[in-house]
Amino acid sequence: MASLAGLTGVPYRTGYAASKHAMIGFFDSLRIELRGTGVDVTVVAPDFVLSEIQKRASGPDGQPLGRSPLQEDKIMSAEDCAAEIVRAMEKRQRLLVGSLRGRVGRWVRLAFPSLIDRIALKAAREGK
C-alpha cells in the first residue's frame, strides 16, 4: 500500500512522499526477485482515501490539525478503495493508480514535469 505521493512529489508532505517512493522501489525490486515463484506483487497508489489520518496530521506548527484540510465529499471511501485493491490483486496487476487524476498526472509528468509540480503545489495549498 503506497500512495500517489510515491509516484510524484507532494509539497508539504516531504517525509511521507519519501517513504512512499521507497516502498514502491522496494516492492518493484521484490517483484523482480520473486519472478517465477508464483508470488505476485501489486503496488497500490490510491489518491486520498477518507480516513481519520488527515485529522491526526500535524500542521506547520507541529500541533494536530484536528480536522481534515481536504474536501472530504470528493474523497474515495475506504470501502471503495478496498474493492479496487481486491480487483487489482485478482487480476495480478503490477500497479493500481487509484484515480483518474493520478493516472493522467503520471503521463503528463513524463512530458511536462514542471506543470505537474505547479498543479501539485496549487492542490496542496487549496487542500485538494
Protein backbone atom coordinates (compact mmCIF):
# COMPACT_ATOMS: atom_id res chain seq x y z
CA MET A 1 0.00 0.00 0.00
CA ALA A 2 1.69 3.13 -1.23
CA SER A 3 0.19 6.40 -2.43
CA LEU A 4 0.15 8.77 -5.37
CA ALA A 5 2.77 10.56 -3.27
CA GLY A 6 5.08 7.67 -4.12
CA LEU A 7 4.84 8.46 -7.82
CA THR A 8 5.41 12.21 -7.72
CA GLY A 9 6.49 14.86 -5.25
CA VAL A 10 3.94 16.22 -2.80
CA PRO A 11 4.55 19.67 -1.33
CA TYR A 12 4.38 19.92 2.48
CA ARG A 13 4.47 16.11 2.80
CA THR A 14 8.14 15.52 2.01
CA GLY A 15 8.76 12.75 4.54
CA TYR A 16 5.53 10.98 3.61
CA ALA A 17 6.35 11.18 -0.11
CA ALA A 18 9.87 9.88 0.52
CA SER A 19 8.58 6.87 2.45
CA LYS A 20 6.07 6.03 -0.30
CA HIS A 21 8.75 6.37 -3.03
CA ALA A 22 10.89 3.96 -1.02
CA MET A 23 8.01 1.49 -0.71
CA ILE A 24 7.39 1.49 -4.44
CA GLY A 25 11.09 0.91 -5.14
CA PHE A 26 11.20 -1.90 -2.58
CA PHE A 27 8.15 -3.69 -3.96
CA ASP A 28 9.23 -3.22 -7.59
CA SER A 29 12.55 -4.87 -6.67
CA LEU A 30 10.79 -7.62 -4.71
CA ARG A 31 8.54 -8.35 -7.69
CA ILE A 32 11.60 -8.91 -9.87
CA GLU A 33 13.31 -11.09 -7.26
CA LEU A 34 10.21 -13.28 -6.87
CA ARG A 35 9.57 -13.68 -10.60
CA GLY A 36 8.73 -17.26 -11.44
CA THR A 37 7.95 -18.27 -7.84
CA GLY A 38 4.19 -17.84 -8.14
CA VAL A 39 4.24 -14.79 -5.86
CA ASP A 40 2.97 -11.56 -7.41
CA VAL A 41 3.27 -8.05 -6.03
CA THR A 42 0.60 -5.43 -6.57
CA VAL A 43 1.56 -1.88 -5.59
CA VAL A 44 -1.43 0.28 -4.72
CA ALA A 45 -1.18 4.05 -5.16
CA PRO A 46 -4.56 5.47 -4.21
CA ASP A 47 -5.46 9.11 -4.24
CA PHE A 48 -6.87 10.44 -0.98
CA VAL A 49 -8.94 7.92 0.97
CA LEU A 50 -11.41 9.06 3.60
CA SER A 51 -9.95 8.17 6.98
CA GLU A 52 -9.02 9.72 10.28
CA ILE A 53 -5.38 10.16 9.26
CA GLN A 54 -5.94 13.66 7.84
CA LYS A 55 -7.43 14.79 11.16
CA ARG A 56 -4.44 13.44 13.06
CA ALA A 57 -1.88 15.09 10.76
CA SER A 58 0.31 17.83 12.17
CA GLY A 59 0.14 21.38 10.93
CA PRO A 60 3.13 23.65 10.26
CA ASP A 61 3.36 24.44 13.99
CA GLY A 62 3.66 20.73 14.86
CA GLN A 63 0.25 20.65 16.52
CA PRO A 64 -2.51 18.24 15.38
CA LEU A 65 -4.83 19.82 12.83
CA GLY A 66 -7.88 18.24 14.46
CA ARG A 67 -9.75 18.49 11.17
CA SER A 68 -9.19 17.39 7.62
CA PRO A 69 -7.89 20.12 5.31
CA LEU A 70 -9.38 18.17 2.39
CA GLN A 71 -12.72 18.35 0.64
CA GLU A 72 -13.97 15.10 2.16
CA ASP A 73 -17.04 14.83 -0.06
CA LYS A 74 -14.68 14.32 -3.03
CA ILE A 75 -12.54 11.62 -1.41
CA MET A 76 -12.81 7.87 -2.05
CA SER A 77 -14.25 5.82 0.79
CA ALA A 78 -12.13 3.13 2.43
CA GLU A 79 -14.65 0.53 1.25
CA ASP A 80 -14.37 1.63 -2.39
CA CYS A 81 -10.60 1.65 -2.12
CA ALA A 82 -10.59 -1.88 -0.67
CA ALA A 83 -12.82 -3.12 -3.51
CA GLU A 84 -10.43 -1.66 -6.10
CA ILE A 85 -7.48 -3.31 -4.36
CA VAL A 86 -9.17 -6.72 -4.39
CA ARG A 87 -9.92 -6.39 -8.12
CA ALA A 88 -6.31 -5.40 -8.85
CA MET A 89 -4.99 -8.34 -6.83
CA GLU A 90 -7.33 -10.77 -8.60
CA LYS A 91 -6.01 -9.50 -11.95
CA ARG A 92 -2.43 -9.70 -10.63
CA GLN A 93 -1.97 -6.08 -11.60
CA ARG A 94 1.53 -4.62 -11.06
CA LEU A 95 0.32 -1.12 -10.14
CA LEU A 96 -3.07 0.25 -9.20
CA VAL A 97 -3.27 4.02 -9.52
CA GLY A 98 -6.50 4.81 -7.74
CA SER A 99 -7.79 7.89 -9.51
CA LEU A 100 -8.15 9.39 -12.95
CA ARG A 101 -6.20 12.40 -11.69
CA GLY A 102 -3.34 10.11 -10.73
CA ARG A 103 -3.37 8.16 -13.98
CA VAL A 104 -3.44 11.28 -16.16
CA GLY A 105 -0.91 13.06 -13.96
CA ARG A 106 1.52 10.18 -14.28
CA TRP A 107 1.62 10.51 -18.07
CA VAL A 108 1.60 14.31 -18.12
CA ARG A 109 4.55 14.27 -15.70
CA LEU A 110 6.67 12.42 -18.26
CA ALA A 111 6.27 15.21 -20.84
CA PHE A 112 5.70 18.24 -18.63
CA PRO A 113 7.19 17.65 -15.16
CA SER A 114 7.16 21.33 -14.17
CA LEU A 115 3.44 21.53 -14.97
CA ILE A 116 2.71 18.68 -12.56
CA ASP A 117 4.87 20.42 -9.93
CA ARG A 118 2.76 23.58 -10.26
CA ILE A 119 -0.51 21.61 -10.15
CA ALA A 120 0.67 19.69 -7.06
CA LEU A 121 1.64 22.90 -5.27
CA LYS A 122 -1.71 24.54 -6.08
CA ALA A 123 -3.64 21.46 -4.95
CA ALA A 124 -1.66 21.25 -1.70
CA ARG A 125 -2.31 24.92 -0.95
CA GLU A 126 -6.03 24.51 -1.66
CA GLY A 127 -6.37 21.17 0.17
CA LYS A 128 -7.41 19.22 -2.93
